């Protein structure tokens, strides 16, 4: 018996998609290849966005919360991760003992809410004062547009797709994000710098 762990792409595209007729779910399926999604309560790989808090546009909690409300988590889970992942509330997973019971209640997790995001941005002073379709605000005495670069490892195809998806969502709210796929060495060097 040989075993292999599929990536989400492999499982979603092949096992559940184009090659679904080739895969069974166990020995009684009559198929020579079996594939099954197994749930785990343990800590698993997780994906997140890191913001450079030294950048003035990310200094405010309200702005960071607005960015979180502008992520359509359920659509991303469905379309980019084939419905095979769940929204996490911490880097330690959502179901382990390492997470506060308060956080385990997913009803408190961020959900896509454009109206709430726009209200937070307005409260925080963001507006399109020069009518160029990009929000801006006064920071340290100068007008700063809400413009930034989302950097992602080029080998992370799902991350690159997420970046494009998120870019379009932010554009609707007046935030200009550029997606920059980088080789992993350059990306880590950029983080260190």
Protein backbone atom coordinates (compact mmCIF):
# COMPACT_ATOMS: atom_id res chain seq x y z
CA UNK A 1 0.00 0.00 0.00
CA UNK A 2 1.52 3.33 -1.06
CA UNK A 3 0.28 6.58 0.41
CA UNK A 4 0.71 10.19 -0.60
CA UNK A 5 -0.61 13.47 0.74
CA UNK A 6 -2.26 15.63 -1.90
CA UNK A 7 -1.97 19.38 -2.01
CA UNK A 8 -5.27 21.25 -1.94
CA UNK A 9 -4.92 21.93 -5.66
CA UNK A 10 -4.31 18.27 -6.42
CA UNK A 11 -7.21 17.10 -4.28
CA UNK A 12 -9.63 19.75 -5.52
CA UNK A 13 -8.72 19.66 -9.21
CA UNK A 14 -7.91 15.98 -9.69
CA UNK A 15 -9.54 13.87 -6.98
CA UNK A 16 -12.76 15.88 -6.80
CA UNK A 17 -12.57 17.23 -10.36
CA UNK A 18 -11.20 15.99 -13.67
CA UNK A 19 -10.08 12.54 -12.42
CA UNK A 20 -12.90 11.88 -9.93
CA UNK A 21 -13.93 8.68 -11.75
CA UNK A 22 -10.49 7.16 -11.09
CA UNK A 23 -10.63 7.58 -7.30
CA UNK A 24 -12.55 5.59 -4.73
CA UNK A 25 -12.81 6.36 -1.02
CA UNK A 26 -11.73 2.96 0.31
CA UNK A 27 -11.14 -0.74 -0.46
CA UNK A 28 -14.82 -1.47 -1.06
CA UNK A 29 -15.10 1.21 -3.75
CA UNK A 30 -13.78 -1.13 -6.44
CA UNK A 31 -11.14 1.41 -7.49
CA UNK A 32 -7.38 0.80 -7.26
CA UNK A 33 -6.74 4.37 -6.05
CA UNK A 34 -8.41 5.72 -2.94
CA UNK A 35 -8.49 9.32 -1.78
CA UNK A 36 -10.21 10.76 1.22
CA UNK A 37 -10.18 14.12 2.95
CA UNK A 38 -9.37 13.61 6.61
CA UNK A 39 -10.26 16.17 9.25
CA UNK A 40 -7.81 17.01 12.00
CA UNK A 41 -8.27 18.81 15.27
CA UNK A 42 -4.55 19.44 15.45
CA UNK A 43 -2.64 22.47 14.31
CA UNK A 44 -2.39 22.48 10.53
CA UNK A 45 -0.71 24.75 8.03
CA UNK A 46 -2.40 28.13 7.91
CA UNK A 47 -2.35 31.07 5.57
CA UNK A 48 -2.45 34.70 6.58
CA UNK A 49 -1.50 38.21 5.59
CA UNK A 50 1.32 40.00 7.35
CA UNK A 51 1.15 43.80 7.46
CA UNK A 52 4.22 45.95 7.98
CA UNK A 53 3.09 48.06 10.93
CA UNK A 54 6.00 50.45 10.32
CA UNK A 55 4.06 51.66 7.26
CA UNK A 56 1.89 54.62 8.34
CA UNK A 57 -1.13 53.43 6.35
CA UNK A 58 -1.34 50.29 8.53
CA UNK A 59 -0.79 52.03 11.88
CA UNK A 60 -4.47 52.26 12.82
CA UNK A 61 -6.39 49.30 14.20
CA UNK A 62 -9.55 50.54 12.44
CA UNK A 63 -7.79 50.45 9.07
CA UNK A 64 -6.48 46.94 9.71
CA UNK A 65 -9.95 45.80 10.78
CA UNK A 66 -11.41 47.29 7.59
CA UNK A 67 -8.89 45.31 5.53
CA UNK A 68 -10.03 42.15 7.34
CA UNK A 69 -13.69 42.91 6.60
CA UNK A 70 -12.82 43.29 2.90
CA UNK A 71 -11.77 39.63 2.58
CA UNK A 72 -14.57 37.41 1.30
CA UNK A 73 -13.47 34.39 3.33
CA UNK A 74 -16.23 32.02 2.25
CA UNK A 75 -15.78 32.71 -1.48
CA UNK A 76 -12.01 32.26 -1.12
CA UNK A 77 -12.47 28.97 0.77
CA UNK A 78 -14.88 27.75 -1.91
CA UNK A 79 -13.08 28.95 -5.04
CA UNK A 80 -9.39 28.90 -4.14
CA UNK A 81 -9.30 26.06 -1.62
CA UNK A 82 -12.10 23.90 -3.11
CA UNK A 83 -14.02 24.01 0.18
CA UNK A 84 -11.32 21.87 1.82
CA UNK A 85 -10.20 24.37 4.48
CA UNK A 86 -11.91 26.35 7.19
CA UNK A 87 -11.39 29.86 8.43
CA UNK A 88 -8.89 29.96 11.28
CA UNK A 89 -8.94 32.36 14.19
CA UNK A 90 -5.30 31.96 15.18
CA UNK A 91 -2.02 30.56 13.84
CA UNK A 92 -2.57 27.64 16.24
CA UNK A 93 -5.75 26.56 14.46
CA UNK A 94 -9.31 27.04 15.56
CA UNK A 95 -9.92 23.76 17.39
CA UNK A 96 -6.82 23.10 19.47
CA UNK A 97 -6.36 23.64 23.18
CA UNK A 98 -3.82 26.35 22.32
CA UNK A 99 -6.60 28.74 21.32
CA UNK A 100 -8.66 30.78 23.76
CA UNK A 101 -12.23 29.47 24.06
CA UNK A 102 -13.41 33.02 23.22
CA UNK A 103 -11.73 32.75 19.81
CA UNK A 104 -13.08 29.29 19.04
CA UNK A 105 -16.54 30.76 18.54
CA UNK A 106 -16.45 31.39 14.78
CA UNK A 107 -19.45 33.71 15.03
CA UNK A 108 -16.92 36.29 16.23
CA UNK A 109 -14.55 35.70 13.30
CA UNK A 110 -14.22 38.34 10.60
CA UNK A 111 -16.66 38.02 7.73
CA UNK A 112 -16.84 39.93 4.47
CA UNK A 113 -18.71 43.17 5.19
CA UNK A 114 -18.07 46.01 2.74
CA UNK A 115 -20.42 48.38 4.57
CA UNK A 116 -18.66 47.87 7.90
CA UNK A 117 -15.24 48.18 6.26
CA UNK A 118 -16.17 51.45 4.55
CA UNK A 119 -17.56 52.85 7.81
CA UNK A 120 -14.31 52.00 9.63
CA UNK A 121 -12.22 53.58 6.86
CA UNK A 122 -14.34 56.74 6.97
CA UNK A 123 -14.08 56.90 10.79
CA UNK A 124 -10.32 56.57 10.40
CA UNK A 125 -10.14 59.55 8.05
CA UNK A 126 -9.88 57.80 4.67
CA UNK A 127 -11.70 59.56 1.78
CA UNK A 128 -11.14 60.14 -1.92
CA UNK A 129 -10.39 63.86 -1.58
CA UNK A 130 -8.77 64.26 -5.02
CA UNK A 131 -11.38 62.14 -6.88
CA UNK A 132 -8.85 59.68 -8.38
CA UNK A 133 -10.78 56.59 -7.14
CA UNK A 134 -8.14 55.90 -4.47
CA UNK A 135 -8.76 56.71 -0.81
CA UNK A 136 -6.31 59.04 0.89
CA UNK A 137 -5.84 60.76 4.22
CA UNK A 138 -3.55 63.18 5.96
CA UNK A 139 -0.69 61.42 7.73
CA UNK A 140 2.06 63.49 9.35
CA UNK A 141 0.91 66.60 7.48
CA UNK A 142 0.79 65.15 3.97
CA UNK A 143 -1.86 63.48 1.84
CA UNK A 144 -1.12 59.76 1.55
CA UNK A 145 -2.98 57.54 -0.94
CA UNK A 146 -4.11 54.11 0.27
CA UNK A 147 -1.75 52.24 -2.00
CA UNK A 148 0.45 49.26 -1.15
CA UNK A 149 2.10 46.13 -2.56
CA UNK A 150 1.03 42.59 -1.67
CA UNK A 151 4.14 40.41 -1.89
CA UNK A 152 3.79 36.67 -2.26
CA UNK A 153 6.06 33.75 -3.15
CA UNK A 154 5.72 33.05 -6.87
CA UNK A 155 5.71 29.29 -6.19
CA UNK A 156 2.56 29.76 -4.05
CA UNK A 157 -0.04 29.61 -6.82
CA UNK A 158 -2.97 29.86 -4.43
CA UNK A 159 -1.35 32.90 -2.76
CA UNK A 160 -0.93 34.61 -6.13
CA UNK A 161 -4.57 33.85 -7.00
CA UNK A 162 -5.65 35.16 -3.60
CA UNK A 163 -3.68 38.35 -4.23
CA UNK A 164 -5.50 38.95 -7.51
CA UNK A 165 -8.87 38.20 -5.90
CA UNK A 166 -8.16 40.52 -2.96
CA UNK A 167 -6.86 43.25 -5.26
CA UNK A 168 -10.21 43.36 -7.05
CA UNK A 169 -12.13 43.46 -3.76
CA UNK A 170 -9.98 46.32 -2.47
CA UNK A 171 -10.30 48.25 -5.73
CA UNK A 172 -14.09 48.41 -5.21
CA UNK A 173 -13.48 50.15 -1.89
CA UNK A 174 -10.92 52.64 -3.19
CA UNK A 175 -7.74 50.86 -2.11
CA UNK A 176 -5.00 50.35 -4.70
CA UNK A 177 -3.06 47.13 -4.13
CA UNK A 178 -0.41 45.77 -6.47
CA UNK A 179 0.38 42.05 -6.43
CA UNK A 180 4.07 41.21 -6.68
CA UNK A 181 5.03 37.54 -7.03
CA UNK A 182 8.64 37.03 -5.95
CA UNK A 183 11.04 34.11 -5.73
CA UNK A 184 11.15 32.84 -2.17
CA UNK A 185 14.75 33.95 -1.46
CA UNK A 186 14.01 37.53 -2.53
CA UNK A 187 10.76 37.52 -0.56
CA UNK A 188 12.50 36.42 2.66
CA UNK A 189 15.28 38.95 2.11
CA UNK A 190 12.63 41.63 1.63
CA UNK A 191 11.00 40.57 4.93
CA UNK A 192 14.35 40.76 6.72
CA UNK A 193 15.08 44.20 5.26
